[in-house]
Amino acid sequence: MTAAPDLAALDASAAWAWLMAELRAACGSARHGFHLFTVATLGGDGRPDARTVVLRHVDADRREIRFHTDARSPKAADLRRDPRLALHWYDPANRVQVRAAATATIHHGDDVAAAAWAAAQPMSRACYTSPTAPGTPIDDFLPAPAPPAPGDDLSLAHFAVVACRFDAIELLALHASGHQRALIHVRRHPVTWTVLAP
């Protein structure tokens, strides 16, 4: 990742292009500051529930990012009840925060899930081989699961892709000379922004 952008030197379209380029780069690099991000859902009791997930796909035209999850997980159950969620990235090395409110669509047992499964690394597929659903109380810690054998797609039944669509995304660039914050409205082209007090 490059250093925090100087938003004062950009317009909304350039800031959006910078952010999308960084998020696309983060999909393919575990070392990128935006590779991991926080997703907050509303639990069954109405309280927010946050966890870290891996950024898997970015589509600027659809205003959408994707992550993978176990279809049996509490977060999947939360999103079936209420598809609203909050997304949050922070890269401490470059002092950039990104936030968005989004609406989720769960792809499970469809072409989107099948394509993501086919593209997933064996170690990523291993996360879905456990017969025990995530969050289930157990007597002891489980060993790391083994990746499925090539051609073994039985665990695909546990695999889901969560597509998160947003209409605006907030960018905060921290600078010693003055922090810069803007809400980028991306539903129409060209995109616009509202500059916010940091």
Foldseek 3Di string as FASTA:
>chain_A
DDAFDPCVVDFLLVVLVVVLVLLQVLLPDPPRQFQKKKKWFQAPVRDIDIDIFGWHDDDLVQQKTKTKDFCLARVVVRCVVPQWMKIWTARVVRGKIKIFIWGKDKAAPDPVLVVVVVVDDQLVQQVQPDPDGPPDDDDDDDDRGGGDDVPDCPSSNGMIMIMIHGQWMKMWGDDPVAIWIWIWGRPDPPIHIDTDHD
